[in-house]
PDB file of N, CA and C in Angstrom:
ATOM      1  N   MET A   1       7.871   7.950  72.916  1.00  0.00           N
ATOM      2  CA  MET A   1       7.797   9.020  73.822  1.00  0.00           C
ATOM      3  C   MET A   1       8.887  10.022  73.455  1.00  0.00           C
ATOM      4  N   ASN A   2       8.483  11.314  73.427  1.00  0.00           N
ATOM      5  CA  ASN A   2       9.533  12.435  73.375  1.00  0.00           C
ATOM      6  C   ASN A   2       9.799  12.901  74.773  1.00  0.00           C
ATOM      7  N   TYR A   3      11.019  13.417  74.927  1.00  0.00           N
ATOM      8  CA  TYR A   3      11.381  13.792  76.276  1.00  0.00           C
ATOM      9  C   TYR A   3      11.830  15.347  76.158  1.00  0.00           C
ATOM     10  N   ILE A   4      11.613  16.006  77.178  1.00  0.00           N
ATOM     11  CA  ILE A   4      12.055  17.438  77.329  1.00  0.00           C
ATOM     12  C   ILE A   4      12.884  17.458  78.578  1.00  0.00           C
ATOM     13  N   THR A   5      14.173  17.776  78.551  1.00  0.00           N
ATOM     14  CA  THR A   5      14.929  17.906  79.722  1.00  0.00           C
ATOM     15  C   THR A   5      14.824  19.360  80.216  1.00  0.00           C
ATOM     16  N   LEU A   6      14.464  19.444  81.447  1.00  0.00           N
ATOM     17  CA  LEU A   6      14.230  20.719  82.139  1.00  0.00           C
ATOM     18  C   LEU A   6      15.534  21.301  82.498  1.00  0.00           C
ATOM     19  N   TYR A   7      15.872  22.391  82.045  1.00  0.00           N
ATOM     20  CA  TYR A   7      17.020  23.087  82.479  1.00  0.00           C
ATOM     21  C   TYR A   7      16.842  24.683  82.331  1.00  0.00           C
ATOM     22  N   GLN A   8      16.534  25.117  81.188  1.00  0.00           N
ATOM     23  CA  GLN A   8      16.233  26.535  80.934  1.00  0.00           C
ATOM     24  C   GLN A   8      15.155  26.695  79.967  1.00  0.00           C
ATOM     25  N   PHE A   9      14.575  27.829  79.738  1.00  0.00           N
ATOM     26  CA  PHE A   9      13.349  28.035  79.001  1.00  0.00           C
ATOM     27  C   PHE A   9      13.495  29.034  77.901  1.00  0.00           C
ATOM     28  N   TYR A  10      13.644  28.615  76.639  1.00  0.00           N
ATOM     29  CA  TYR A  10      13.713  29.518  75.497  1.00  0.00           C
ATOM     30  C   TYR A  10      12.564  29.296  74.412  1.00  0.00           C
ATOM     31  N   ARG A  11      12.437  27.997  74.064  1.00  0.00           N
ATOM     32  CA  ARG A  11      11.762  27.696  72.858  1.00  0.00           C
ATOM     33  C   ARG A  11      10.190  27.881  72.939  1.00  0.00           C
ATOM     34  N   PHE A  12       9.640  27.979  74.131  1.00  0.00           N
ATOM     35  CA  PHE A  12       8.165  28.149  74.153  1.00  0.00           C
ATOM     36  C   PHE A  12       7.841  29.549  74.499  1.00  0.00           C
ATOM     37  N   ASP A  13       6.601  29.949  74.140  1.00  0.00           N
ATOM     38  CA  ASP A  13       6.145  31.259  74.645  1.00  0.00           C
ATOM     39  C   ASP A  13       5.912  31.202  76.061  1.00  0.00           C
ATOM     40  N   ARG A  14       6.733  31.848  76.843  1.00  0.00           N
ATOM     41  CA  ARG A  14       6.718  31.677  78.358  1.00  0.00           C
ATOM     42  C   ARG A  14       5.323  31.881  78.960  1.00  0.00           C
ATOM     43  N   THR A  15       4.654  32.980  78.561  1.00  0.00           N
ATOM     44  CA  THR A  15       3.353  33.075  79.188  1.00  0.00           C
ATOM     45  C   THR A  15       2.378  32.190  78.940  1.00  0.00           C
ATOM     46  N   VAL A  16       2.312  31.580  77.788  1.00  0.00           N
ATOM     47  CA  VAL A  16       1.297  30.600  77.429  1.00  0.00           C
ATOM     48  C   VAL A  16       1.582  29.210  77.787  1.00  0.00           C
ATOM     49  N   HIS A  17       2.820  28.847  77.508  1.00  0.00           N
ATOM     50  CA  HIS A  17       3.196  27.405  77.712  1.00  0.00           C
ATOM     51  C   HIS A  17       3.836  26.954  78.936  1.00  0.00           C
ATOM     52  N   LEU A  18       4.344  27.852  79.753  1.00  0.00           N
ATOM     53  CA  LEU A  18       5.011  27.572  80.979  1.00  0.00           C
ATOM     54  C   LEU A  18       4.179  26.722  81.855  1.00  0.00           C
ATOM     55  N   LYS A  19       2.865  27.098  82.067  1.00  0.00           N
ATOM     56  CA  LYS A  19       1.923  26.435  82.977  1.00  0.00           C
ATOM     57  C   LYS A  19       1.724  24.961  82.362  1.00  0.00           C
ATOM     58  N   LYS A  20       1.600  24.834  81.078  1.00  0.00           N
ATOM     59  CA  LYS A  20       1.389  23.562  80.481  1.00  0.00           C
ATOM     60  C   LYS A  20       2.545  22.691  80.688  1.00  0.00           C
ATOM     61  N   VAL A  21       3.735  23.226  80.603  1.00  0.00           N
ATOM     62  CA  VAL A  21       4.972  22.498  80.801  1.00  0.00           C
ATOM     63  C   VAL A  21       5.061  21.890  82.215  1.00  0.00           C
ATOM     64  N   TRP A  22       4.812  22.804  83.224  1.00  0.00           N
ATOM     65  CA  TRP A  22       4.888  22.372  84.550  1.00  0.00           C
ATOM     66  C   TRP A  22       3.836  21.350  84.967  1.00  0.00           C
ATOM     67  N   LYS A  23       2.651  21.462  84.310  1.00  0.00           N
ATOM     68  CA  LYS A  23       1.575  20.540  84.572  1.00  0.00           C
ATOM     69  C   LYS A  23       1.784  19.194  83.643  1.00  0.00           C
ATOM     70  N   ASN A  24       2.768  19.160  82.888  1.00  0.00           N
ATOM     71  CA  ASN A  24       3.076  18.003  81.966  1.00  0.00           C
ATOM     72  C   ASN A  24       1.846  17.793  81.096  1.00  0.00           C
ATOM     73  N   GLU A  25       1.364  18.826  80.478  1.00  0.00           N
ATOM     74  CA  GLU A  25       0.207  18.839  79.631  1.00  0.00           C
ATOM     75  C   GLU A  25       0.488  18.896  78.150  1.00  0.00           C
ATOM     76  N   ILE A  26       1.777  18.872  77.769  1.00  0.00           N
ATOM     77  CA  ILE A  26       2.080  18.783  76.431  1.00  0.00           C
ATOM     78  C   ILE A  26       2.107  17.374  75.907  1.00  0.00           C
ATOM     79  N   LYS A  27       1.179  17.035  75.045  1.00  0.00           N
ATOM     80  CA  LYS A  27       0.921  15.716  74.602  1.00  0.00           C
ATOM     81  C   LYS A  27       2.130  15.161  73.841  1.00  0.00           C
ATOM     82  N   ARG A  28       2.389  13.866  74.119  1.00  0.00           N
ATOM     83  CA  ARG A  28       3.518  13.164  73.445  1.00  0.00           C
ATOM     84  C   ARG A  28       4.947  13.476  73.934  1.00  0.00           C
ATOM     85  N   PHE A  29       4.981  14.242  75.110  1.00  0.00           N
ATOM     86  CA  PHE A  29       6.198  14.545  75.616  1.00  0.00           C
ATOM     87  C   PHE A  29       6.214  14.200  77.115  1.00  0.00           C
ATOM     88  N   GLU A  30       7.308  13.784  77.685  1.00  0.00           N
ATOM     89  CA  GLU A  30       7.524  13.550  79.127  1.00  0.00           C
ATOM     90  C   GLU A  30       8.660  14.502  79.531  1.00  0.00           C
ATOM     91  N   LEU A  31       8.259  15.229  80.665  1.00  0.00           N
ATOM     92  CA  LEU A  31       9.200  16.196  81.299  1.00  0.00           C
ATOM     93  C   LEU A  31      10.147  15.451  82.154  1.00  0.00           C
ATOM     94  N   VAL A  32      11.423  15.690  81.925  1.00  0.00           N
ATOM     95  CA  VAL A  32      12.466  15.019  82.718  1.00  0.00           C
ATOM     96  C   VAL A  32      13.391  16.055  83.356  1.00  0.00           C
ATOM     97  N   LEU A  33      13.782  15.824  84.550  1.00  0.00           N
ATOM     98  CA  LEU A  33      14.707  16.663  85.320  1.00  0.00           C
ATOM     99  C   LEU A  33      15.944  15.857  85.515  1.00  0.00           C
ATOM    100  N   PRO A  34      17.096  16.337  84.915  1.00  0.00           N
ATOM    101  CA  PRO A  34      18.319  15.603  85.279  1.00  0.00           C
ATOM    102  C   PRO A  34      18.726  15.726  86.651  1.00  0.00           C
ATOM    103  N   SER A  35      19.127  14.624  87.316  1.00  0.00           N
ATOM    104  CA  SER A  35      19.478  14.665  88.745  1.00  0.00           C
ATOM    105  C   SER A  35      20.626  15.541  88.939  1.00  0.00           C
ATOM    106  N   ILE A  36      21.463  15.709  87.883  1.00  0.00           N
ATOM    107  CA  ILE A  36      22.634  16.529  88.060  1.00  0.00           C
ATOM    108  C   ILE A  36      22.268  17.996  88.190  1.00  0.00           C
ATOM    109  N   TYR A  37      21.087  18.327  87.771  1.00  0.00           N
ATOM    110  CA  TYR A  37      20.608  19.737  87.895  1.00  0.00           C
ATOM    111  C   TYR A  37      20.318  20.052  89.284  1.00  0.00           C
ATOM    112  N   LEU A  38      19.791  19.073  90.150  1.00  0.00           N
ATOM    113  CA  LEU A  38      19.615  19.267  91.592  1.00  0.00           C
ATOM    114  C   LEU A  38      20.916  19.503  92.309  1.00  0.00           C
ATOM    115  N   ILE A  39      21.933  18.831  91.874  1.00  0.00           N
ATOM    116  CA  ILE A  39      23.235  18.931  92.496  1.00  0.00           C
ATOM    117  C   ILE A  39      23.878  20.372  92.142  1.00  0.00           C
ATOM    118  N   GLU A  40      23.701  20.753  90.867  1.00  0.00           N
ATOM    119  CA  GLU A  40      24.158  22.070  90.472  1.00  0.00           C
ATOM    120  C   GLU A  40      23.420  23.096  91.194  1.00  0.00           C
ATOM    121  N   THR A  41      22.173  22.979  91.456  1.00  0.00           N
ATOM    122  CA  THR A  41      21.324  23.940  92.203  1.00  0.00           C
ATOM    123  C   THR A  41      21.880  24.073  93.607  1.00  0.00           C
ATOM    124  N   MET A  42      22.211  22.945  94.213  1.00  0.00           N
ATOM    125  CA  MET A  42      22.763  23.092  95.635  1.00  0.00           C
ATOM    126  C   MET A  42      24.076  23.802  95.590  1.00  0.00           C
ATOM    127  N   PHE A  43      24.938  23.485  94.617  1.00  0.00           N
ATOM    128  CA  PHE A  43      26.255  24.248  94.584  1.00  0.00           C
ATOM    129  C   PHE A  43      26.089  25.699  94.440  1.00  0.00           C
ATOM    130  N   LYS A  44      25.109  26.088  93.579  1.00  0.00           N
ATOM    131  CA  LYS A  44      24.809  27.578  93.432  1.00  0.00           C
ATOM    132  C   LYS A  44      24.351  28.230  94.691  1.00  0.00           C
ATOM    133  N   LEU A  45      23.445  27.421  95.362  1.00  0.00           N
ATOM    134  CA  LEU A  45      23.039  27.961  96.728  1.00  0.00           C
ATOM    135  C   LEU A  45      24.115  28.019  97.681  1.00  0.00           C
ATOM    136  N   LEU A  46      24.960  27.004  97.736  1.00  0.00           N
ATOM    137  CA  LEU A  46      26.163  27.105  98.657  1.00  0.00           C
ATOM    138  C   LEU A  46      27.083  28.226  98.280  1.00  0.00           C
ATOM    139  N   ASN A  47      27.280  28.589  97.048  1.00  0.00           N
ATOM    140  CA  ASN A  47      28.187  29.722  96.634  1.00  0.00           C
ATOM    141  C   ASN A  47      27.495  30.998  97.206  1.00  0.00           C
ATOM    142  N   GLU A  48      26.147  31.147  97.108  1.00  0.00           N
ATOM    143  CA  GLU A  48      25.493  32.284  97.663  1.00  0.00           C
ATOM    144  C   GLU A  48      25.506  32.324  99.156  1.00  0.00           C
ATOM    145  N   TYR A  49      25.342  31.220  99.783  1.00  0.00           N
ATOM    146  CA  TYR A  49      25.433  31.079 101.169  1.00  0.00           C
ATOM    147  C   TYR A  49      26.818  31.586 101.753  1.00  0.00           C
ATOM    148  N   LYS A  50      27.877  31.274 101.113  1.00  0.00           N
ATOM    149  CA  LYS A  50      29.246  31.695 101.586  1.00  0.00           C
ATOM    150  C   LYS A  50      29.342  33.172 101.689  1.00  0.00           C
ATOM    151  N   LYS A  51      28.603  33.893 100.827  1.00  0.00           N
ATOM    152  CA  LYS A  51      28.701  35.303 100.813  1.00  0.00           C
ATOM    153  C   LYS A  51      27.927  35.971 102.009  1.00  0.00           C
ATOM    154  N   THR A  52      26.962  35.217 102.485  1.00  0.00           N
ATOM    155  CA  THR A  52      26.091  35.921 103.540  1.00  0.00           C
ATOM    156  C   THR A  52      25.979  35.161 104.834  1.00  0.00           C
ATOM    157  N   ASN A  53      26.251  33.815 104.810  1.00  0.00           N
ATOM    158  CA  ASN A  53      26.153  32.934 105.981  1.00  0.00           C
ATOM    159  C   ASN A  53      24.632  32.999 106.511  1.00  0.00           C
ATOM    160  N   ASP A  54      23.659  33.114 105.524  1.00  0.00           N
ATOM    161  CA  ASP A  54      22.394  33.150 105.838  1.00  0.00           C
ATOM    162  C   ASP A  54      21.762  31.766 105.649  1.00  0.00           C
ATOM    163  N   PHE A  55      21.224  31.153 106.779  1.00  0.00           N
ATOM    164  CA  PHE A  55      20.758  29.759 106.594  1.00  0.00           C
ATOM    165  C   PHE A  55      19.515  29.671 105.645  1.00  0.00           C
ATOM    166  N   SER A  56      18.703  30.696 105.571  1.00  0.00           N
ATOM    167  CA  SER A  56      17.610  30.690 104.653  1.00  0.00           C
ATOM    168  C   SER A  56      17.938  30.369 103.230  1.00  0.00           C
ATOM    169  N   ILE A  57      19.190  30.686 102.828  1.00  0.00           N
ATOM    170  CA  ILE A  57      19.624  30.396 101.510  1.00  0.00           C
ATOM    171  C   ILE A  57      19.779  28.767 101.368  1.00  0.00           C
ATOM    172  N   LEU A  58      20.428  28.198 102.388  1.00  0.00           N
ATOM    173  CA  LEU A  58      20.470  26.700 102.343  1.00  0.00           C
ATOM    174  C   LEU A  58      19.084  26.090 102.435  1.00  0.00           C
ATOM    175  N   ASP A  59      18.164  26.657 103.092  1.00  0.00           N
ATOM    176  CA  ASP A  59      16.895  26.095 103.199  1.00  0.00           C
ATOM    177  C   ASP A  59      16.050  26.073 101.997  1.00  0.00           C
ATOM    178  N   ARG A  60      16.422  26.839 101.044  1.00  0.00           N
ATOM    179  CA  ARG A  60      15.713  26.993  99.767  1.00  0.00           C
ATOM    180  C   ARG A  60      15.876  25.648  99.018  1.00  0.00           C
ATOM    181  N   TYR A  61      16.893  24.855  99.310  1.00  0.00           N
ATOM    182  CA  TYR A  61      16.980  23.542  98.582  1.00  0.00           C
ATOM    183  C   TYR A  61      15.775  22.515  99.107  1.00  0.00           C
ATOM    184  N   GLN A  62      15.484  22.617 100.293  1.00  0.00           N
ATOM    185  CA  GLN A  62      14.380  21.807 100.831  1.00  0.00           C
ATOM    186  C   GLN A  62      13.108  22.166 100.111  1.00  0.00           C
ATOM    187  N   LYS A  63      12.887  23.427  99.942  1.00  0.00           N
ATOM    188  CA  LYS A  63      11.683  23.916  99.335  1.00  0.00           C
ATOM    189  C   LYS A  63      11.661  23.513  97.834  1.00  0.00           C
ATOM    190  N   ILE A  64      12.842  23.632  97.155  1.00  0.00           N
ATOM    191  CA  ILE A  64      12.921  23.196  95.790  1.00  0.00           C
ATOM    192  C   ILE A  64      12.616  21.718  95.673  1.00  0.00           C
ATOM    193  N   LEU A  65      13.229  20.913  96.439  1.00  0.00           N
ATOM    194  CA  LEU A  65      13.046  19.471  96.470  1.00  0.00           C
ATOM    195  C   LEU A  65      11.611  19.012  96.712  1.00  0.00           C
ATOM    196  N   LEU A  66      10.950  19.634  97.647  1.00  0.00           N
ATOM    197  CA  LEU A  66       9.593  19.311  97.871  1.00  0.00           C
ATOM    198  C   LEU A  66       8.711  19.689  96.702  1.00  0.00           C
ATOM    199  N   THR A  67       8.939  20.820  96.169  1.00  0.00           N
ATOM    200  CA  THR A  67       8.245  21.258  94.866  1.00  0.00           C
ATOM    201  C   THR A  67       8.460  20.294  93.745  1.00  0.00           C
ATOM    202  N   VAL A  68       9.677  19.937  93.470  1.00  0.00           N
ATOM    203  CA  VAL A  68      10.086  19.011  92.348  1.00  0.00           C
ATOM    204  C   VAL A  68       9.373  17.656  92.595  1.00  0.00           C
ATOM    205  N   LEU A  69       9.484  17.074  93.818  1.00  0.00           N
ATOM    206  CA  LEU A  69       8.902  15.838  94.073  1.00  0.00           C
ATOM    207  C   LEU A  69       7.421  15.817  93.958  1.00  0.00           C
ATOM    208  N   ASN A  70       6.821  16.945  94.025  1.00  0.00           N
ATOM    209  CA  ASN A  70       5.317  16.912  93.915  1.00  0.00           C
ATOM    210  C   ASN A  70       4.842  17.309  92.578  1.00  0.00           C
ATOM    211  N   PHE A  71       5.702  17.454  91.550  1.00  0.00           N
ATOM    212  CA  PHE A  71       5.350  17.782  90.138  1.00  0.00           C
ATOM    213  C   PHE A  71       5.308  16.472  89.430  1.00  0.00           C
ATOM    214  N   PRO A  72       4.594  16.524  88.313  1.00  0.00           N
ATOM    215  CA  PRO A  72       4.553  15.249  87.416  1.00  0.00           C
ATOM    216  C   PRO A  72       5.754  15.348  86.537  1.00  0.00           C
ATOM    217  N   ILE A  73       6.875  14.946  87.078  1.00  0.00           N
ATOM    218  CA  ILE A  73       8.162  15.062  86.373  1.00  0.00           C
ATOM    219  C   ILE A  73       9.040  13.824  86.741  1.00  0.00           C
ATOM    220  N   SER A  74       9.741  13.338  85.711  1.00  0.00           N
ATOM    221  CA  SER A  74      10.650  12.205  85.998  1.00  0.00           C
ATOM    222  C   SER A  74      12.020  12.783  86.279  1.00  0.00           C
ATOM    223  N   ILE A  75      12.658  12.218  87.272  1.00  0.00           N
ATOM    224  CA  ILE A  75      14.106  12.519  87.568  1.00  0.00           C
ATOM    225  C   ILE A  75      14.979  11.493  86.841  1.00  0.00           C
ATOM    226  N   PHE A  76      15.819  11.936  86.087  1.00  0.00           N
ATOM    227  CA  PHE A  76      16.695  11.151  85.222  1.00  0.00           C
ATOM    228  C   PHE A  76      18.055  11.153  85.818  1.00  0.00           C
ATOM    229  N   ASN A  77      18.598   9.872  86.275  1.00  0.00           N
ATOM    230  CA  ASN A  77      19.860   9.815  86.880  1.00  0.00           C
ATOM    231  C   ASN A  77      20.960   9.670  85.839  1.00  0.00           C
ATOM    232  N   CYS A  78      21.373  10.778  85.371  1.00  0.00           N
ATOM    233  CA  CYS A  78      22.335  10.770  84.258  1.00  0.00           C
ATOM    234  C   CYS A  78      23.650  10.130  84.694  1.00  0.00           C
ATOM    235  N   GLU A  79      24.037  10.219  85.960  1.00  0.00           N
ATOM    236  CA  GLU A  79      25.264   9.637  86.327  1.00  0.00           C
ATOM    237  C   GLU A  79      25.358   8.090  86.356  1.00  0.00           C
ATOM    238  N   LEU A  80      24.094   7.498  86.110  1.00  0.00           N
ATOM    239  CA  LEU A  80      23.959   6.057  85.903  1.00  0.00           C
ATOM    240  C   LEU A  80      23.751   5.615  84.494  1.00  0.00           C
ATOM    241  N   HIS A  81      23.711   6.583  83.593  1.00  0.00           N
ATOM    242  CA  HIS A  81      23.420   6.285  82.072  1.00  0.00           C
ATOM    243  C   HIS A  81      24.628   6.329  81.292  1.00  0.00           C
ATOM    244  N   PRO A  82      25.171   5.198  80.817  1.00  0.00           N
ATOM    245  CA  PRO A  82      26.402   5.142  80.081  1.00  0.00           C
ATOM    246  C   PRO A  82      26.447   6.036  78.798  1.00  0.00           C
ATOM    247  N   LYS A  83      25.313   6.056  78.128  1.00  0.00           N
ATOM    248  CA  LYS A  83      25.273   6.836  76.858  1.00  0.00           C
ATOM    249  C   LYS A  83      25.332   8.337  77.232  1.00  0.00           C
ATOM    250  N   ALA A  84      24.660   8.810  78.198  1.00  0.00           N
ATOM    251  CA  ALA A  84      24.766  10.139  78.582  1.00  0.00           C
ATOM    252  C   ALA A  84      26.189  10.530  79.036  1.00  0.00           C
ATOM    253  N   ILE A  85      26.814   9.656  79.830  1.00  0.00           N
ATOM    254  CA  ILE A  85      28.192   9.865  80.269  1.00  0.00           C
ATOM    255  C   ILE A  85      29.149   9.982  79.093  1.00  0.00           C
ATOM    256  N   MET A  86      29.049   9.105  78.115  1.00  0.00           N
ATOM    257  CA  MET A  86      29.812   9.135  76.956  1.00  0.00           C
ATOM    258  C   MET A  86      29.714  10.396  76.188  1.00  0.00           C
ATOM    259  N   ILE A  87      28.404  10.781  75.965  1.00  0.00           N
ATOM    260  CA  ILE A  87      28.149  11.970  75.114  1.00  0.00           C
ATOM    261  C   ILE A  87      28.707  13.248  75.898  1.00  0.00           C
ATOM    262  N   ALA A  88      28.477  13.296  77.241  1.00  0.00           N
ATOM    263  CA  ALA A  88      28.972  14.441  78.056  1.00  0.00           C
ATOM    264  C   ALA A  88      30.476  14.493  77.903  1.00  0.00           C
ATOM    265  N   SER A  89      31.091  13.420  77.970  1.00  0.00           N
ATOM    266  CA  SER A  89      32.605  13.325  77.864  1.00  0.00           C
ATOM    267  C   SER A  89      33.042  13.901  76.568  1.00  0.00           C
ATOM    268  N   LEU A  90      32.276  13.482  75.497  1.00  0.00           N
ATOM    269  CA  LEU A  90      32.687  13.956  74.112  1.00  0.00           C
ATOM    270  C   LEU A  90      32.435  15.420  74.032  1.00  0.00           C
ATOM    271  N   ILE A  91      31.383  15.949  74.560  1.00  0.00           N
ATOM    272  CA  ILE A  91      31.167  17.429  74.522  1.00  0.00           C
ATOM    273  C   ILE A  91      32.377  18.128  75.332  1.00  0.00           C
ATOM    274  N   ARG A  92      32.677  17.607  76.513  1.00  0.00           N
ATOM    275  CA  ARG A  92      33.778  18.195  77.249  1.00  0.00           C
ATOM    276  C   ARG A  92      35.083  18.155  76.541  1.00  0.00           C
ATOM    277  N   HIS A  93      35.345  17.001  75.828  1.00  0.00           N
ATOM    278  CA  HIS A  93      36.615  16.863  75.150  1.00  0.00           C
ATOM    279  C   HIS A  93      36.583  17.804  73.936  1.00  0.00           C
ATOM    280  N   SER A  94      35.471  18.135  73.457  1.00  0.00           N
ATOM    281  CA  SER A  94      35.397  19.107  72.248  1.00  0.00           C
ATOM    282  C   SER A  94      35.627  20.542  72.686  1.00  0.00           C
ATOM    283  N   GLY A  95      35.667  20.777  73.975  1.00  0.00           N
ATOM    284  CA  GLY A  95      35.940  22.126  74.412  1.00  0.00           C
ATOM    285  C   GLY A  95      35.096  22.831  75.370  1.00  0.00           C
ATOM    286  N   HIS A  96      33.902  22.297  75.686  1.00  0.00           N
ATOM    287  CA  HIS A  96      33.105  22.979  76.697  1.00  0.00           C
ATOM    288  C   HIS A  96      33.526  22.577  78.048  1.00  0.00           C
ATOM    289  N   HIS A  97      33.884  23.594  78.867  1.00  0.00           N
ATOM    290  CA  HIS A  97      34.536  23.358  80.121  1.00  0.00           C
ATOM    291  C   HIS A  97      33.680  22.965  81.320  1.00  0.00           C
ATOM    292  N   ASP A  98      32.362  23.246  81.250  1.00  0.00           N
ATOM    293  CA  ASP A  98      31.464  23.061  82.334  1.00  0.00           C
ATOM    294  C   ASP A  98      30.890  21.738  82.142  1.00  0.00           C
ATOM    295  N   TYR A  99      31.360  20.716  82.913  1.00  0.00           N
ATOM    296  CA  TYR A  99      30.912  19.371  82.747  1.00  0.00           C
ATOM    297  C   TYR A  99      29.441  19.117  83.076  1.00  0.00           C
ATOM    298  N   LEU A 100      28.973  20.009  84.003  1.00  0.00           N
ATOM    299  CA  LEU A 100      27.504  19.772  84.339  1.00  0.00           C
ATOM    300  C   LEU A 100      26.665  20.241  83.188  1.00  0.00           C
ATOM    301  N   ASP A 101      27.015  21.206  82.482  1.00  0.00           N
ATOM    302  CA  ASP A 101      26.329  21.665  81.228  1.00  0.00           C
ATOM    303  C   ASP A 101      26.498  20.597  80.273  1.00  0.00           C
ATOM    304  N   CYS A 102      27.565  19.974  80.138  1.00  0.00           N
ATOM    305  CA  CYS A 102      27.912  18.823  79.126  1.00  0.00           C
ATOM    306  C   CYS A 102      26.851  17.756  79.441  1.00  0.00           C
ATOM    307  N   TRP A 103      26.700  17.370  80.695  1.00  0.00           N
ATOM    308  CA  TRP A 103      25.825  16.267  81.157  1.00  0.00           C
ATOM    309  C   TRP A 103      24.381  16.545  80.771  1.00  0.00           C
ATOM    310  N   ILE A 104      23.981  17.918  81.001  1.00  0.00           N
ATOM    311  CA  ILE A 104      22.580  18.217  80.757  1.00  0.00           C
ATOM    312  C   ILE A 104      22.367  18.173  79.250  1.00  0.00           C
ATOM    313  N   ALA A 105      23.181  18.608  78.471  1.00  0.00           N
ATOM    314  CA  ALA A 105      22.992  18.556  76.985  1.00  0.00           C
ATOM    315  C   ALA A 105      23.018  17.059  76.593  1.00  0.00           C
ATOM    316  N   ALA A 106      23.929  16.292  77.252  1.00  0.00           N
ATOM    317  CA  ALA A 106      24.052  14.855  76.831  1.00  0.00           C
ATOM    318  C   ALA A 106      22.771  14.123  77.128  1.00  0.00           C
ATOM    319  N   ILE A 107      22.078  14.441  78.122  1.00  0.00           N
ATOM    320  CA  ILE A 107      20.872  13.836  78.530  1.00  0.00           C
ATOM    321  C   ILE A 107      19.801  13.977  77.464  1.00  0.00           C
ATOM    322  N   ALA A 108      19.663  15.154  76.963  1.00  0.00           N
ATOM    323  CA  ALA A 108      18.765  15.486  75.815  1.00  0.00           C
ATOM    324  C   ALA A 108      19.029  14.561  74.583  1.00  0.00           C
ATOM    325  N   VAL A 109      20.376  14.552  74.304  1.00  0.00           N
ATOM    326  CA  VAL A 109      20.817  13.624  73.196  1.00  0.00           C
ATOM    327  C   VAL A 109      20.475  12.154  73.446  1.00  0.00           C
ATOM    328  N   ALA A 110      20.830  11.734  74.682  1.00  0.00           N
ATOM    329  CA  ALA A 110      20.674  10.284  75.020  1.00  0.00           C
ATOM    330  C   ALA A 110      19.312   9.892  75.028  1.00  0.00           C
ATOM    331  N   LEU A 111      18.444  10.783  75.315  1.00  0.00           N
ATOM    332  CA  LEU A 111      16.944  10.506  75.393  1.00  0.00           C
ATOM    333  C   LEU A 111      16.217  10.870  74.052  1.00  0.00           C
ATOM    334  N   ASP A 112      17.091  11.396  73.078  1.00  0.00           N
ATOM    335  CA  ASP A 112      16.508  11.871  71.862  1.00  0.00           C
ATOM    336  C   ASP A 112      15.386  12.849  72.064  1.00  0.00           C
ATOM    337  N   GLY A 113      15.766  13.825  73.007  1.00  0.00           N
ATOM    338  CA  GLY A 113      14.852  14.899  73.372  1.00  0.00           C
ATOM    339  C   GLY A 113      15.340  16.215  73.094  1.00  0.00           C
ATOM    340  N   GLY A 114      14.830  17.169  73.774  1.00  0.00           N
ATOM    341  CA  GLY A 114      15.271  18.592  73.507  1.00  0.00           C
ATOM    342  C   GLY A 114      15.454  19.195  74.966  1.00  0.00           C
ATOM    343  N   ILE A 115      16.082  20.362  74.941  1.00  0.00           N
ATOM    344  CA  ILE A 115      16.372  21.094  76.222  1.00  0.00           C
ATOM    345  C   ILE A 115      15.397  22.207  76.398  1.00  0.00           C
ATOM    346  N   LEU A 116      14.649  22.270  77.534  1.00  0.00           N
ATOM    347  CA  LEU A 116      13.860  23.368  77.890  1.00  0.00           C
ATOM    348  C   LEU A 116      14.580  24.273  78.713  1.00  0.00           C
ATOM    349  N   VAL A 117      14.567  25.582  78.389  1.00  0.00           N
ATOM    350  CA  VAL A 117      15.471  26.497  79.106  1.00  0.00           C
ATOM    351  C   VAL A 117      14.621  27.530  79.848  1.00  0.00           C
ATOM    352  N   LEU A 118      14.720  27.407  81.248  1.00  0.00           N
ATOM    353  CA  LEU A 118      13.963  28.377  82.125  1.00  0.00           C
ATOM    354  C   LEU A 118      14.898  29.641  82.358  1.00  0.00           C
ATOM    355  N   ILE A 119      14.386  30.782  82.126  1.00  0.00           N
ATOM    356  CA  ILE A 119      15.077  31.999  82.379  1.00  0.00           C
ATOM    357  C   ILE A 119      14.613  32.550  83.684  1.00  0.00           C
ATOM    358  N   SER A 120      15.282  32.227  84.744  1.00  0.00           N
ATOM    359  CA  SER A 120      14.936  32.832  86.018  1.00  0.00           C
ATOM    360  C   SER A 120      16.181  32.628  86.890  1.00  0.00           C
ATOM    361  N   ARG A 121      16.242  33.519  87.871  1.00  0.00           N
ATOM    362  CA  ARG A 121      17.391  33.394  88.863  1.00  0.00           C
ATOM    363  C   ARG A 121      16.945  32.865  90.057  1.00  0.00           C
ATOM    364  N   LEU A 122      17.384  31.618  90.401  1.00  0.00           N
ATOM    365  CA  LEU A 122      16.869  30.928  91.578  1.00  0.00           C
ATOM    366  C   LEU A 122      17.373  31.707  92.820  1.00  0.00           C
ATOM    367  N   LEU A 123      18.603  32.236  92.761  1.00  0.00           N
ATOM    368  CA  LEU A 123      19.130  32.829  94.010  1.00  0.00           C
ATOM    369  C   LEU A 123      18.499  34.175  94.296  1.00  0.00           C
ATOM    370  N   SER A 124      17.801  34.823  93.380  1.00  0.00           N
ATOM    371  CA  SER A 124      17.239  36.110  93.656  1.00  0.00           C
ATOM    372  C   SER A 124      15.802  35.902  94.069  1.00  0.00           C
ATOM    373  N   GLN A 125      15.208  34.792  94.109  1.00  0.00           N
ATOM    374  CA  GLN A 125      13.837  34.608  94.467  1.00  0.00           C
ATOM    375  C   GLN A 125      13.676  34.427  95.975  1.00  0.00           C
TER     376      GLN A 125
END
């Protein structure tokens, strides 16, 4: 099985393939969402919330979570995967300062997969 870690979206023609990706219709691939991405999403929402004190910003996480849980996607608990932790630590030690990014890249390596990059701003939606 090949894996695609969902983080951002570059490699595919966005207009043609995005729907296929979300429906998990790409044969021989399994779509994987790193659990750390959900945590990073919450931290980004919290940072935006601090600027406005608008509860609807915090409520976005509930909507995101319900959407993710209803998609044909596997949630990968990278914090429980020794190989992903080791690779993330090596990436961090090599100079990349954002450990969450290191973890996301490490998951792709640990699963022998690729990273799918979505270009969209969650906070502006």
